[in-house]
PDB file of N, CA and C in Angstrom:
ATOM      1  N   HIS A   1      31.462  25.617  27.728  1.00  0.00           N
ATOM      2  CA  HIS A   1      30.188  25.023  27.490  1.00  0.00           C
ATOM      3  C   HIS A   1      30.409  23.544  28.205  1.00  0.00           C
ATOM      4  N   LEU A   2      31.054  23.496  28.683  1.00  0.00           N
ATOM      5  CA  LEU A   2      31.105  21.802  29.174  1.00  0.00           C
ATOM      6  C   LEU A   2      30.878  21.700  30.638  1.00  0.00           C
ATOM      7  N   THR A   3      29.383  21.337  30.999  1.00  0.00           N
ATOM      8  CA  THR A   3      28.841  21.825  32.189  1.00  0.00           C
ATOM      9  C   THR A   3      28.051  20.230  32.619  1.00  0.00           C
ATOM     10  N   GLY A   4      28.628  19.305  31.780  1.00  0.00           N
ATOM     11  CA  GLY A   4      28.270  17.914  32.275  1.00  0.00           C
ATOM     12  C   GLY A   4      26.576  17.715  31.883  1.00  0.00           C
ATOM     13  N   TRP A   5      25.886  17.599  32.910  1.00  0.00           N
ATOM     14  CA  TRP A   5      24.486  17.202  32.979  1.00  0.00           C
ATOM     15  C   TRP A   5      23.545  18.793  32.492  1.00  0.00           C
ATOM     16  N   SER A   6      23.937  19.503  33.016  1.00  0.00           N
ATOM     17  CA  SER A   6      23.536  21.135  33.410  1.00  0.00           C
ATOM     18  C   SER A   6      23.218  21.490  31.648  1.00  0.00           C
ATOM     19  N   ALA A   7      22.133  22.210  31.752  1.00  0.00           N
ATOM     20  CA  ALA A   7      21.936  22.984  30.341  1.00  0.00           C
ATOM     21  C   ALA A   7      22.816  23.968  30.080  1.00  0.00           C
ATOM     22  N   ASN A   8      23.282  24.613  28.901  1.00  0.00           N
ATOM     23  CA  ASN A   8      24.009  25.448  28.492  1.00  0.00           C
ATOM     24  C   ASN A   8      23.258  26.487  27.766  1.00  0.00           C
ATOM     25  N   GLN A   9      24.036  27.790  27.723  1.00  0.00           N
ATOM     26  CA  GLN A   9      23.514  28.793  26.969  1.00  0.00           C
ATOM     27  C   GLN A   9      23.997  28.403  25.222  1.00  0.00           C
ATOM     28  N   ALA A  10      22.790  28.815  24.566  1.00  0.00           N
ATOM     29  CA  ALA A  10      23.036  28.462  22.931  1.00  0.00           C
ATOM     30  C   ALA A  10      23.763  29.448  22.298  1.00  0.00           C
ATOM     31  N   ILE A  11      24.890  28.757  21.627  1.00  0.00           N
ATOM     32  CA  ILE A  11      25.705  29.994  20.791  1.00  0.00           C
ATOM     33  C   ILE A  11      25.569  29.382  19.522  1.00  0.00           C
ATOM     34  N   LEU A  12      25.361  30.640  18.858  1.00  0.00           N
ATOM     35  CA  LEU A  12      25.235  30.333  17.253  1.00  0.00           C
ATOM     36  C   LEU A  12      26.451  30.618  16.427  1.00  0.00           C
ATOM     37  N   CYS A  13      26.752  30.232  15.577  1.00  0.00           N
ATOM     38  CA  CYS A  13      27.955  30.195  14.498  1.00  0.00           C
ATOM     39  C   CYS A  13      27.574  30.599  13.141  1.00  0.00           C
ATOM     40  N   LYS A  14      28.188  31.730  12.794  1.00  0.00           N
ATOM     41  CA  LYS A  14      27.626  32.149  11.572  1.00  0.00           C
ATOM     42  C   LYS A  14      28.806  32.426  10.538  1.00  0.00           C
ATOM     43  N   SER A  15      28.685  31.880   9.241  1.00  0.00           N
ATOM     44  CA  SER A  15      29.616  32.124   8.455  1.00  0.00           C
ATOM     45  C   SER A  15      28.795  32.342   6.934  1.00  0.00           C
ATOM     46  N   ASP A  16      29.604  32.904   5.952  1.00  0.00           N
ATOM     47  CA  ASP A  16      29.281  33.024   4.705  1.00  0.00           C
ATOM     48  C   ASP A  16      30.058  32.207   3.821  1.00  0.00           C
ATOM     49  N   SER A  17      31.102  31.277   4.575  1.00  0.00           N
ATOM     50  CA  SER A  17      31.878  30.509   3.662  1.00  0.00           C
ATOM     51  C   SER A  17      31.938  29.028   4.211  1.00  0.00           C
ATOM     52  N   PRO A  18      31.934  27.982   3.150  1.00  0.00           N
ATOM     53  CA  PRO A  18      31.882  26.777   3.627  1.00  0.00           C
ATOM     54  C   PRO A  18      32.789  26.392   4.601  1.00  0.00           C
ATOM     55  N   PHE A  19      33.944  26.925   4.610  1.00  0.00           N
ATOM     56  CA  PHE A  19      35.266  26.512   5.168  1.00  0.00           C
ATOM     57  C   PHE A  19      35.205  27.586   6.453  1.00  0.00           C
ATOM     58  N   LEU A  20      34.089  28.260   6.979  1.00  0.00           N
ATOM     59  CA  LEU A  20      34.035  28.778   8.368  1.00  0.00           C
ATOM     60  C   LEU A  20      35.173  29.934   8.284  1.00  0.00           C
ATOM     61  N   ASN A  21      35.289  30.295   7.345  1.00  0.00           N
ATOM     62  CA  ASN A  21      36.250  31.578   7.216  1.00  0.00           C
ATOM     63  C   ASN A  21      35.613  32.811   7.599  1.00  0.00           C
ATOM     64  N   GLY A  22      36.087  33.696   8.500  1.00  0.00           N
ATOM     65  CA  GLY A  22      35.441  34.993   9.216  1.00  0.00           C
ATOM     66  C   GLY A  22      33.851  34.456   9.833  1.00  0.00           C
ATOM     67  N   THR A  23      34.092  33.582  10.659  1.00  0.00           N
ATOM     68  CA  THR A  23      33.032  32.997  11.571  1.00  0.00           C
ATOM     69  C   THR A  23      32.554  33.865  12.355  1.00  0.00           C
ATOM     70  N   SER A  24      31.339  34.376  12.888  1.00  0.00           N
ATOM     71  CA  SER A  24      30.728  34.925  13.852  1.00  0.00           C
ATOM     72  C   SER A  24      30.282  34.121  14.789  1.00  0.00           C
ATOM     73  N   TRP A  25      30.492  34.166  16.186  1.00  0.00           N
ATOM     74  CA  TRP A  25      29.503  33.611  17.120  1.00  0.00           C
ATOM     75  C   TRP A  25      28.811  34.573  18.103  1.00  0.00           C
ATOM     76  N   THR A  26      27.554  34.080  18.313  1.00  0.00           N
ATOM     77  CA  THR A  26      26.848  34.960  18.755  1.00  0.00           C
ATOM     78  C   THR A  26      25.876  33.983  19.732  1.00  0.00           C
ATOM     79  N   THR A  27      25.178  34.731  20.896  1.00  0.00           N
ATOM     80  CA  THR A  27      24.513  34.084  21.902  1.00  0.00           C
ATOM     81  C   THR A  27      22.896  34.204  21.187  1.00  0.00           C
ATOM     82  N   LEU A  28      22.437  32.942  21.402  1.00  0.00           N
ATOM     83  CA  LEU A  28      20.986  32.877  20.876  1.00  0.00           C
ATOM     84  C   LEU A  28      19.997  33.432  21.693  1.00  0.00           C
ATOM     85  N   PRO A  29      19.323  34.708  21.306  1.00  0.00           N
ATOM     86  CA  PRO A  29      18.397  35.407  21.955  1.00  0.00           C
ATOM     87  C   PRO A  29      17.071  34.310  22.465  1.00  0.00           C
ATOM     88  N   VAL A  30      16.855  34.175  23.883  1.00  0.00           N
ATOM     89  CA  VAL A  30      15.781  33.205  24.193  1.00  0.00           C
ATOM     90  C   VAL A  30      14.891  34.080  25.166  1.00  0.00           C
ATOM     91  N   ILE A  31      13.615  33.867  25.027  1.00  0.00           N
ATOM     92  CA  ILE A  31      12.517  34.686  25.684  1.00  0.00           C
ATOM     93  C   ILE A  31      12.128  33.919  27.148  1.00  0.00           C
ATOM     94  N   THR A  32      13.092  34.063  27.851  1.00  0.00           N
ATOM     95  CA  THR A  32      12.746  33.106  29.239  1.00  0.00           C
ATOM     96  C   THR A  32      13.599  33.711  30.232  1.00  0.00           C
ATOM     97  N   LYS A  33      13.149  33.453  31.559  1.00  0.00           N
ATOM     98  CA  LYS A  33      14.085  34.125  32.605  1.00  0.00           C
ATOM     99  C   LYS A  33      15.386  33.385  32.770  1.00  0.00           C
ATOM    100  N   SER A  34      15.668  32.326  32.258  1.00  0.00           N
ATOM    101  CA  SER A  34      16.875  31.341  32.211  1.00  0.00           C
ATOM    102  C   SER A  34      17.858  31.973  31.014  1.00  0.00           C
ATOM    103  N   SER A  35      18.981  31.744  31.189  1.00  0.00           N
ATOM    104  CA  SER A  35      19.923  32.193  30.007  1.00  0.00           C
ATOM    105  C   SER A  35      20.116  30.773  29.034  1.00  0.00           C
ATOM    106  N   THR A  36      19.622  29.545  29.546  1.00  0.00           N
ATOM    107  CA  THR A  36      19.689  28.446  28.815  1.00  0.00           C
ATOM    108  C   THR A  36      18.549  28.405  27.599  1.00  0.00           C
ATOM    109  N   THR A  37      18.751  27.338  26.941  1.00  0.00           N
ATOM    110  CA  THR A  37      17.601  26.961  25.901  1.00  0.00           C
ATOM    111  C   THR A  37      16.621  26.350  26.672  1.00  0.00           C
ATOM    112  N   TYR A  38      15.753  26.964  27.428  1.00  0.00           N
ATOM    113  CA  TYR A  38      14.797  26.308  28.149  1.00  0.00           C
ATOM    114  C   TYR A  38      15.192  24.983  29.185  1.00  0.00           C
ATOM    115  N   ASP A  39      16.173  25.362  29.343  1.00  0.00           N
ATOM    116  CA  ASP A  39      17.135  24.240  30.490  1.00  0.00           C
ATOM    117  C   ASP A  39      16.910  22.705  29.608  1.00  0.00           C
ATOM    118  N   SER A  40      17.530  23.120  28.474  1.00  0.00           N
ATOM    119  CA  SER A  40      17.783  21.975  27.681  1.00  0.00           C
ATOM    120  C   SER A  40      19.386  22.138  27.014  1.00  0.00           C
ATOM    121  N   GLN A  41      19.733  21.256  26.377  1.00  0.00           N
ATOM    122  CA  GLN A  41      21.077  21.299  25.570  1.00  0.00           C
ATOM    123  C   GLN A  41      20.929  21.083  24.062  1.00  0.00           C
ATOM    124  N   SER A  42      21.193  21.418  23.167  1.00  0.00           N
ATOM    125  CA  SER A  42      21.023  21.325  21.983  1.00  0.00           C
ATOM    126  C   SER A  42      21.382  20.177  21.483  1.00  0.00           C
ATOM    127  N   THR A  43      20.788  19.196  20.539  1.00  0.00           N
ATOM    128  CA  THR A  43      21.172  17.790  19.978  1.00  0.00           C
ATOM    129  C   THR A  43      21.121  18.174  18.780  1.00  0.00           C
ATOM    130  N   TYR A  44      20.663  18.608  17.852  1.00  0.00           N
ATOM    131  CA  TYR A  44      20.534  19.004  16.514  1.00  0.00           C
ATOM    132  C   TYR A  44      19.608  19.927  16.143  1.00  0.00           C
ATOM    133  N   ILE A  45      19.880  20.396  14.876  1.00  0.00           N
ATOM    134  CA  ILE A  45      18.877  21.283  14.146  1.00  0.00           C
ATOM    135  C   ILE A  45      18.422  20.698  13.065  1.00  0.00           C
ATOM    136  N   LEU A  46      17.066  20.597  12.988  1.00  0.00           N
ATOM    137  CA  LEU A  46      16.588  19.589  12.010  1.00  0.00           C
ATOM    138  C   LEU A  46      16.075  20.584  10.854  1.00  0.00           C
ATOM    139  N   PRO A  47      16.758  20.412   9.369  1.00  0.00           N
ATOM    140  CA  PRO A  47      16.181  21.263   8.635  1.00  0.00           C
ATOM    141  C   PRO A  47      14.977  20.593   7.781  1.00  0.00           C
ATOM    142  N   TYR A  48      13.988  21.456   7.804  1.00  0.00           N
ATOM    143  CA  TYR A  48      12.511  20.953   6.932  1.00  0.00           C
ATOM    144  C   TYR A  48      12.432  21.884   5.852  1.00  0.00           C
ATOM    145  N   ARG A  49      11.806  21.429   4.596  1.00  0.00           N
ATOM    146  CA  ARG A  49      11.507  22.162   3.595  1.00  0.00           C
ATOM    147  C   ARG A  49      10.253  22.024   3.542  1.00  0.00           C
ATOM    148  N   HIS A  50       9.181  23.046   3.694  1.00  0.00           N
ATOM    149  CA  HIS A  50       7.580  22.823   3.252  1.00  0.00           C
ATOM    150  C   HIS A  50       7.606  22.570   1.976  1.00  0.00           C
ATOM    151  N   PRO A  51       6.420  21.874   1.611  1.00  0.00           N
ATOM    152  CA  PRO A  51       6.007  22.013  -0.050  1.00  0.00           C
ATOM    153  C   PRO A  51       6.266  23.338  -0.941  1.00  0.00           C
ATOM    154  N   ASP A  52       5.882  24.113  -0.045  1.00  0.00           N
ATOM    155  CA  ASP A  52       5.939  25.413  -0.911  1.00  0.00           C
ATOM    156  C   ASP A  52       7.415  25.958  -1.117  1.00  0.00           C
ATOM    157  N   GLY A  53       8.474  25.366  -0.544  1.00  0.00           N
ATOM    158  CA  GLY A  53       9.873  25.575  -0.470  1.00  0.00           C
ATOM    159  C   GLY A  53      10.318  26.401   0.622  1.00  0.00           C
ATOM    160  N   LYS A  54       9.521  26.909   1.672  1.00  0.00           N
ATOM    161  CA  LYS A  54       9.905  27.576   2.821  1.00  0.00           C
ATOM    162  C   LYS A  54      10.511  26.770   3.600  1.00  0.00           C
ATOM    163  N   MET A  55      11.742  27.421   4.345  1.00  0.00           N
ATOM    164  CA  MET A  55      12.364  26.414   5.052  1.00  0.00           C
ATOM    165  C   MET A  55      12.293  26.698   6.428  1.00  0.00           C
ATOM    166  N   LEU A  56      12.382  25.568   7.467  1.00  0.00           N
ATOM    167  CA  LEU A  56      11.835  25.636   8.930  1.00  0.00           C
ATOM    168  C   LEU A  56      13.178  24.678   9.562  1.00  0.00           C
ATOM    169  N   TYR A  57      13.591  25.318  10.408  1.00  0.00           N
ATOM    170  CA  TYR A  57      14.435  24.650  11.127  1.00  0.00           C
ATOM    171  C   TYR A  57      14.027  24.547  12.676  1.00  0.00           C
ATOM    172  N   ILE A  58      14.409  23.072  13.075  1.00  0.00           N
ATOM    173  CA  ILE A  58      13.880  22.817  14.281  1.00  0.00           C
ATOM    174  C   ILE A  58      14.849  22.546  15.180  1.00  0.00           C
ATOM    175  N   TYR A  59      14.643  23.467  16.504  1.00  0.00           N
ATOM    176  CA  TYR A  59      15.758  22.985  17.328  1.00  0.00           C
ATOM    177  C   TYR A  59      15.241  21.852  18.349  1.00  0.00           C
ATOM    178  N   MET A  60      16.072  20.870  18.143  1.00  0.00           N
ATOM    179  CA  MET A  60      15.961  19.591  19.342  1.00  0.00           C
ATOM    180  C   MET A  60      16.979  19.641  20.422  1.00  0.00           C
ATOM    181  N   GLY A  61      16.368  19.598  21.582  1.00  0.00           N
ATOM    182  CA  GLY A  61      17.027  19.516  22.673  1.00  0.00           C
ATOM    183  C   GLY A  61      16.986  18.612  23.677  1.00  0.00           C
ATOM    184  N   ASP A  62      17.990  18.351  24.754  1.00  0.00           N
ATOM    185  CA  ASP A  62      17.489  17.318  25.644  1.00  0.00           C
ATOM    186  C   ASP A  62      17.758  18.010  26.792  1.00  0.00           C
ATOM    187  N   ARG A  63      16.825  17.371  27.774  1.00  0.00           N
ATOM    188  CA  ARG A  63      16.891  17.847  29.400  1.00  0.00           C
ATOM    189  C   ARG A  63      16.953  16.418  30.057  1.00  0.00           C
ATOM    190  N   TRP A  64      18.216  16.589  30.854  1.00  0.00           N
ATOM    191  CA  TRP A  64      18.803  15.218  31.411  1.00  0.00           C
ATOM    192  C   TRP A  64      18.198  15.345  32.933  1.00  0.00           C
ATOM    193  N   ASN A  65      18.122  16.388  33.461  1.00  0.00           N
ATOM    194  CA  ASN A  65      17.230  16.248  34.701  1.00  0.00           C
ATOM    195  C   ASN A  65      18.296  15.367  35.935  1.00  0.00           C
ATOM    196  N   SER A  66      19.511  16.005  35.637  1.00  0.00           N
ATOM    197  CA  SER A  66      20.653  15.067  36.761  1.00  0.00           C
ATOM    198  C   SER A  66      20.233  15.385  38.102  1.00  0.00           C
ATOM    199  N   PRO A  67      20.239  14.388  39.141  1.00  0.00           N
ATOM    200  CA  PRO A  67      20.458  12.971  38.982  1.00  0.00           C
ATOM    201  C   PRO A  67      19.511  12.281  38.476  1.00  0.00           C
ATOM    202  N   ALA A  68      18.208  12.600  38.221  1.00  0.00           N
ATOM    203  CA  ALA A  68      17.184  11.645  37.911  1.00  0.00           C
ATOM    204  C   ALA A  68      17.460  11.659  36.174  1.00  0.00           C
ATOM    205  N   VAL A  69      18.356  10.906  35.624  1.00  0.00           N
ATOM    206  CA  VAL A  69      18.587  11.069  34.040  1.00  0.00           C
ATOM    207  C   VAL A  69      17.274  10.175  33.503  1.00  0.00           C
ATOM    208  N   ASP A  70      16.992   9.018  34.358  1.00  0.00           N
ATOM    209  CA  ASP A  70      15.960   8.196  33.701  1.00  0.00           C
ATOM    210  C   ASP A  70      14.478   8.959  33.396  1.00  0.00           C
ATOM    211  N   LYS A  71      14.475  10.455  33.772  1.00  0.00           N
ATOM    212  CA  LYS A  71      13.524  11.273  33.523  1.00  0.00           C
ATOM    213  C   LYS A  71      13.725  12.218  32.677  1.00  0.00           C
ATOM    214  N   ALA A  72      14.675  11.914  31.812  1.00  0.00           N
ATOM    215  CA  ALA A  72      14.947  12.915  30.508  1.00  0.00           C
ATOM    216  C   ALA A  72      14.027  13.185  29.393  1.00  0.00           C
ATOM    217  N   SER A  73      13.999  14.408  29.235  1.00  0.00           N
ATOM    218  CA  SER A  73      12.633  14.407  28.441  1.00  0.00           C
ATOM    219  C   SER A  73      13.342  15.415  26.913  1.00  0.00           C
ATOM    220  N   TYR A  74      12.589  15.677  26.055  1.00  0.00           N
ATOM    221  CA  TYR A  74      13.112  16.179  25.047  1.00  0.00           C
ATOM    222  C   TYR A  74      12.557  17.747  24.511  1.00  0.00           C
ATOM    223  N   VAL A  75      12.958  18.626  24.035  1.00  0.00           N
ATOM    224  CA  VAL A  75      12.608  19.963  23.623  1.00  0.00           C
ATOM    225  C   VAL A  75      12.628  20.388  22.224  1.00  0.00           C
ATOM    226  N   TRP A  76      11.606  20.193  21.312  1.00  0.00           N
ATOM    227  CA  TRP A  76      11.665  20.323  20.263  1.00  0.00           C
ATOM    228  C   TRP A  76      10.913  21.905  19.850  1.00  0.00           C
ATOM    229  N   LEU A  77      11.556  22.615  19.350  1.00  0.00           N
ATOM    230  CA  LEU A  77      10.954  24.151  19.197  1.00  0.00           C
ATOM    231  C   LEU A  77      11.482  24.518  17.536  1.00  0.00           C
ATOM    232  N   PRO A  78      10.598  25.607  17.062  1.00  0.00           N
ATOM    233  CA  PRO A  78      10.883  26.337  15.933  1.00  0.00           C
ATOM    234  C   PRO A  78      12.105  27.141  16.105  1.00  0.00           C
ATOM    235  N   LEU A  79      12.968  27.305  15.237  1.00  0.00           N
ATOM    236  CA  LEU A  79      13.946  28.417  15.183  1.00  0.00           C
ATOM    237  C   LEU A  79      13.476  29.402  14.272  1.00  0.00           C
ATOM    238  N   VAL A  80      12.952  30.489  14.765  1.00  0.00           N
ATOM    239  CA  VAL A  80      12.379  31.522  13.765  1.00  0.00           C
ATOM    240  C   VAL A  80      13.488  32.343  13.187  1.00  0.00           C
ATOM    241  N   VAL A  81      13.577  32.277  11.967  1.00  0.00           N
ATOM    242  CA  VAL A  81      14.451  33.259  11.147  1.00  0.00           C
ATOM    243  C   VAL A  81      13.885  34.394  10.534  1.00  0.00           C
ATOM    244  N   SER A  82      14.417  35.548  10.766  1.00  0.00           N
ATOM    245  CA  SER A  82      13.781  36.559  10.122  1.00  0.00           C
ATOM    246  C   SER A  82      15.081  37.485   9.515  1.00  0.00           C
ATOM    247  N   GLU A  83      14.552  37.789   8.157  1.00  0.00           N
ATOM    248  CA  GLU A  83      15.303  38.901   7.486  1.00  0.00           C
ATOM    249  C   GLU A  83      14.623  40.072   7.261  1.00  0.00           C
ATOM    250  N   GLN A  84      15.226  40.939   7.601  1.00  0.00           N
ATOM    251  CA  GLN A  84      14.728  42.433   7.637  1.00  0.00           C
ATOM    252  C   GLN A  84      15.301  43.022   6.197  1.00  0.00           C
ATOM    253  N   GLN A  85      14.218  43.540   5.675  1.00  0.00           N
ATOM    254  CA  GLN A  85      14.569  44.085   4.414  1.00  0.00           C
ATOM    255  C   GLN A  85      15.749  45.298   4.141  1.00  0.00           C
ATOM    256  N   GLN A  86      15.527  46.202   5.457  1.00  0.00           N
ATOM    257  CA  GLN A  86      16.344  47.239   5.495  1.00  0.00           C
ATOM    258  C   GLN A  86      17.818  46.948   6.005  1.00  0.00           C
ATOM    259  N   GLN A  87      18.037  45.850   6.513  1.00  0.00           N
ATOM    260  CA  GLN A  87      18.955  45.201   7.465  1.00  0.00           C
ATOM    261  C   GLN A  87      19.701  44.183   6.747  1.00  0.00           C
ATOM    262  N   PRO A  88      21.039  43.928   6.520  1.00  0.00           N
ATOM    263  CA  PRO A  88      21.577  42.764   6.077  1.00  0.00           C
ATOM    264  C   PRO A  88      21.533  41.645   6.997  1.00  0.00           C
ATOM    265  N   GLU A  89      21.353  41.893   8.588  1.00  0.00           N
ATOM    266  CA  GLU A  89      21.299  40.795   9.432  1.00  0.00           C
ATOM    267  C   GLU A  89      20.030  39.894   9.484  1.00  0.00           C
ATOM    268  N   VAL A  90      20.527  38.945   9.631  1.00  0.00           N
ATOM    269  CA  VAL A  90      19.509  37.838   9.883  1.00  0.00           C
ATOM    270  C   VAL A  90      19.290  37.881  11.250  1.00  0.00           C
ATOM    271  N   THR A  91      18.041  37.557  11.988  1.00  0.00           N
ATOM    272  CA  THR A  91      17.658  37.594  13.278  1.00  0.00           C
ATOM    273  C   THR A  91      17.006  36.137  13.545  1.00  0.00           C
ATOM    274  N   ILE A  92      17.836  35.461  14.516  1.00  0.00           N
ATOM    275  CA  ILE A  92      17.161  34.104  14.909  1.00  0.00           C
ATOM    276  C   ILE A  92      16.900  33.952  16.217  1.00  0.00           C
ATOM    277  N   THR A  93      15.345  33.737  16.370  1.00  0.00           N
ATOM    278  CA  THR A  93      15.064  33.545  17.683  1.00  0.00           C
ATOM    279  C   THR A  93      14.626  32.228  18.097  1.00  0.00           C
ATOM    280  N   LEU A  94      14.629  31.754  19.431  1.00  0.00           N
ATOM    281  CA  LEU A  94      13.952  30.217  19.832  1.00  0.00           C
ATOM    282  C   LEU A  94      12.870  30.847  20.927  1.00  0.00           C
ATOM    283  N   PRO A  95      11.649  30.980  20.404  1.00  0.00           N
ATOM    284  CA  PRO A  95      10.383  31.432  20.952  1.00  0.00           C
ATOM    285  C   PRO A  95       9.830  30.102  21.824  1.00  0.00           C
ATOM    286  N   TRP A  96       9.247  30.261  22.988  1.00  0.00           N
ATOM    287  CA  TRP A  96       8.754  28.971  23.319  1.00  0.00           C
ATOM    288  C   TRP A  96       7.375  28.939  23.061  1.00  0.00           C
ATOM    289  N   GLU A  97       7.427  27.753  22.567  1.00  0.00           N
ATOM    290  CA  GLU A  97       5.855  27.217  21.834  1.00  0.00           C
ATOM    291  C   GLU A  97       5.393  25.941  22.811  1.00  0.00           C
ATOM    292  N   SER A  98       4.388  25.647  23.688  1.00  0.00           N
ATOM    293  CA  SER A  98       4.057  24.751  24.402  1.00  0.00           C
ATOM    294  C   SER A  98       3.374  23.573  23.254  1.00  0.00           C
ATOM    295  N   GLU A  99       2.834  23.979  22.439  1.00  0.00           N
ATOM    296  CA  GLU A  99       2.166  23.090  21.378  1.00  0.00           C
ATOM    297  C   GLU A  99       2.474  24.017  20.012  1.00  0.00           C
ATOM    298  N   TRP A 100       2.726  22.982  19.222  1.00  0.00           N
ATOM    299  CA  TRP A 100       2.904  23.639  17.565  1.00  0.00           C
ATOM    300  C   TRP A 100       3.092  22.591  16.819  1.00  0.00           C
ATOM    301  N   THR A 101       2.811  23.230  15.234  1.00  0.00           N
ATOM    302  CA  THR A 101       2.930  22.036  14.374  1.00  0.00           C
ATOM    303  C   THR A 101       3.448  22.631  13.300  1.00  0.00           C
ATOM    304  N   ILE A 102       4.265  21.959  12.188  1.00  0.00           N
ATOM    305  CA  ILE A 102       4.985  22.280  10.989  1.00  0.00           C
ATOM    306  C   ILE A 102       4.398  23.546  10.499  1.00  0.00           C
ATOM    307  N   LYS A 103       2.960  23.464  10.212  1.00  0.00           N
ATOM    308  CA  LYS A 103       2.117  24.231   9.531  1.00  0.00           C
ATOM    309  C   LYS A 103       1.866  25.428  10.115  1.00  0.00           C
ATOM    310  N   ASP A 104       2.512  25.565  11.237  1.00  0.00           N
ATOM    311  CA  ASP A 104       2.047  27.278  12.205  1.00  0.00           C
ATOM    312  C   ASP A 104       3.104  27.891  11.377  1.00  0.00           C
ATOM    313  N   PHE A 105       4.532  27.629  11.001  1.00  0.00           N
ATOM    314  CA  PHE A 105       5.486  28.186  10.779  1.00  0.00           C
ATOM    315  C   PHE A 105       5.970  27.675   9.048  1.00  0.00           C
TER     316      PHE A 105
END
């Protein structure tokens, strides 16, 4: 994942331990024709707690558009975390939203 200015495929790390014992790595599924996170590279995942206690995680990525790096832009999208009652696995997706607000999630 060292591609310089180019966007990368998102990889998630999951562990039930604060020491990352038994860490599992998985590719983040994105709904796009590209294997990257909407032509961006992750910068930060911003945790936000709604007033009702529900957590929202916001993907923050950058687009460098090499060689025109002066035209760089940012991608902020909700990471959708779904827990299935019948399955122990948590599903995380990054759907494209051209416009969204925190209250939408």
